[in-house]
Amino acid sequence: MKERKRMKNRYKICGDYTIIYLPKKTGEIYETKINTEDLDKLIIQNLSWNATYDPKMSQHYVQSTEYLGIIDGKAKYKIRQLAREIVEAKEDEYVDHKNHDTLDNRRNNLRITKFEQNAKNRKGKNKNNKSGYRNVH
């Protein structure tokens, strides 16, 4: 096995994909998958990745909080989302997880979309009407 620099998260290389272990404050450990070819890009960034629950989507996403320093007397941070980092999405682009597994961040599961296309690929029922089904009034 090739010697690699250390990453803040523990990880396990499994051939063409790598599992990154994502600790939570509760002690739970989540796992995300990435392509092994993307590992060096993440190691260079020297960030700590974690699983963050989005109650609106009822799913966990992988993100990191990067400290930018003190600006105008206040601490400033930038939230980085792993899927966006992997596909290098621009600000006006969305990243869709094709199989709806937001912890599967391998390139073959990610695609850059616009809002409309991303919204069409969502799963499950709506929570904002009685039946829950889309387009039922």
Protein backbone atom coordinates (compact mmCIF):
# COMPACT_ATOMS: atom_id res chain seq x y z
CA MET A 1 0.00 0.00 0.00
CA LYS A 2 1.27 3.47 -0.94
CA GLU A 3 2.25 5.77 1.97
CA ARG A 4 -0.14 8.72 2.29
CA LYS A 5 -0.21 11.90 4.29
CA ARG A 6 -2.62 11.80 7.21
CA MET A 7 -6.15 13.11 7.04
CA LYS A 8 -8.02 14.54 10.05
CA ASN A 9 -10.67 11.81 9.65
CA ARG A 10 -9.88 8.12 9.84
CA TYR A 11 -10.35 6.36 6.51
CA LYS A 12 -10.04 2.95 4.92
CA ILE A 13 -9.02 2.39 1.31
CA CYS A 14 -11.06 -0.41 -0.31
CA GLY A 15 -9.62 -0.50 -3.81
CA ASP A 16 -11.35 2.02 -6.09
CA TYR A 17 -13.38 3.55 -3.25
CA THR A 18 -12.48 4.82 0.22
CA ILE A 19 -14.59 4.90 3.36
CA ILE A 20 -14.20 8.03 5.48
CA TYR A 21 -15.35 7.74 9.09
CA LEU A 22 -17.42 10.70 10.30
CA PRO A 23 -17.66 11.07 14.09
CA LYS A 24 -20.60 12.89 15.67
CA LYS A 25 -20.67 14.58 19.06
CA THR A 26 -23.07 11.85 20.24
CA GLY A 27 -20.32 9.26 19.74
CA GLU A 28 -21.96 7.75 16.66
CA ILE A 29 -19.72 7.10 13.67
CA TYR A 30 -21.13 7.55 10.17
CA GLU A 31 -19.40 6.44 6.99
CA THR A 32 -19.19 8.09 3.61
CA LYS A 33 -17.79 6.61 0.42
CA ILE A 34 -15.64 8.51 -2.06
CA ASN A 35 -13.57 7.45 -5.04
CA THR A 36 -10.03 6.70 -3.90
CA GLU A 37 -8.75 9.02 -6.64
CA ASP A 38 -10.40 11.95 -4.75
CA LEU A 39 -8.70 11.17 -1.44
CA ASP A 40 -5.53 13.20 -2.08
CA LYS A 41 -7.63 16.29 -2.87
CA LEU A 42 -9.31 16.00 0.53
CA ILE A 43 -6.07 15.31 2.40
CA ILE A 44 -4.50 18.48 0.95
CA GLN A 45 -7.47 20.54 2.19
CA ASN A 46 -6.64 19.43 5.76
CA LEU A 47 -10.28 19.67 6.90
CA SER A 48 -12.24 17.57 9.36
CA TRP A 49 -15.39 16.16 7.73
CA ASN A 50 -18.54 15.30 9.67
CA ALA A 51 -22.07 14.06 9.11
CA THR A 52 -24.58 16.85 9.63
CA TYR A 53 -28.29 16.10 9.87
CA ASP A 54 -30.61 18.24 7.75
CA PRO A 55 -34.08 18.05 9.35
CA LYS A 56 -35.70 19.63 6.29
CA MET A 57 -34.44 16.79 4.08
CA SER A 58 -34.40 14.13 6.85
CA GLN A 59 -30.90 13.07 5.74
CA HIS A 60 -27.27 13.42 6.74
CA TYR A 61 -24.83 15.32 4.54
CA VAL A 62 -21.05 15.39 4.75
CA GLN A 63 -19.62 18.82 5.43
CA SER A 64 -16.76 20.64 7.06
CA THR A 65 -16.50 24.04 8.72
CA GLU A 66 -13.40 25.92 7.64
CA TYR A 67 -12.15 28.69 9.92
CA LEU A 68 -11.27 31.77 7.85
CA GLY A 69 -9.98 33.95 10.68
CA ILE A 70 -11.14 37.18 12.29
CA ILE A 71 -12.79 39.57 9.83
CA ASP A 72 -14.21 42.91 11.01
CA GLY A 73 -13.76 41.77 14.60
CA LYS A 74 -15.77 38.55 14.18
CA ALA A 75 -14.73 34.95 13.62
CA LYS A 76 -15.66 33.89 10.08
CA TYR A 77 -16.28 30.36 8.85
CA LYS A 78 -17.08 28.71 5.53
CA ILE A 79 -19.21 25.57 5.32
CA ARG A 80 -17.87 23.15 2.70
CA GLN A 81 -20.02 20.29 1.44
CA LEU A 82 -18.13 17.18 0.41
CA ALA A 83 -20.21 16.42 -2.67
CA ARG A 84 -19.69 19.96 -3.99
CA GLU A 85 -15.93 19.72 -3.36
CA ILE A 86 -15.65 16.43 -5.23
CA VAL A 87 -17.42 17.60 -8.41
CA GLU A 88 -16.17 21.19 -8.06
CA ALA A 89 -19.69 22.64 -8.36
CA LYS A 90 -20.06 26.36 -8.98
CA GLU A 91 -22.13 28.57 -6.68
CA ASP A 92 -25.29 28.45 -8.84
CA GLU A 93 -25.12 24.67 -9.33
CA TYR A 94 -26.70 21.91 -7.27
CA VAL A 95 -25.25 18.47 -6.67
CA ASP A 96 -27.67 15.58 -6.90
CA HIS A 97 -27.08 12.15 -5.33
CA LYS A 98 -28.56 9.87 -8.01
CA ASN A 99 -29.33 6.99 -5.64
CA HIS A 100 -30.63 9.32 -2.86
CA ASP A 101 -27.88 8.13 -0.49
CA THR A 102 -26.32 11.41 0.65
CA LEU A 103 -23.43 9.54 2.29
CA ASP A 104 -22.44 7.97 -1.05
CA ASN A 105 -20.15 10.61 -2.50
CA ARG A 106 -18.55 8.55 -5.24
CA ARG A 107 -18.40 10.33 -8.59
CA ASN A 108 -20.74 7.85 -10.32
CA ASN A 109 -23.46 8.80 -7.78
CA LEU A 110 -23.06 12.56 -8.13
CA ARG A 111 -24.19 14.89 -10.89
CA ILE A 112 -24.26 18.64 -11.24
CA THR A 113 -27.78 19.95 -11.84
CA LYS A 114 -29.91 23.05 -11.74
CA PHE A 115 -32.56 23.49 -9.05
CA GLU A 116 -35.46 22.19 -11.18
CA GLN A 117 -33.70 18.93 -12.11
CA ASN A 118 -32.53 18.36 -8.55
CA ALA A 119 -36.06 18.86 -7.19
CA LYS A 120 -37.47 16.30 -9.65
CA ASN A 121 -35.12 13.59 -8.37
CA ARG A 122 -36.17 13.82 -4.75
CA LYS A 123 -37.75 10.82 -3.10
CA GLY A 124 -40.66 10.37 -0.77
CA LYS A 125 -43.90 12.21 -0.23
CA ASN A 126 -44.48 15.90 0.37
CA LYS A 127 -45.03 17.00 3.95
CA ASN A 128 -46.98 20.11 3.00
CA ASN A 129 -50.36 18.57 2.06
CA LYS A 130 -52.81 16.05 3.49
CA SER A 131 -52.14 13.13 1.13
CA GLY A 132 -48.40 13.68 0.90
CA TYR A 133 -48.42 12.87 -2.81
CA ARG A 134 -47.11 15.39 -5.30
CA ASN A 135 -49.57 17.22 -7.56
CA VAL A 136 -52.61 16.02 -5.61
CA HIS A 137 -54.87 18.90 -4.58
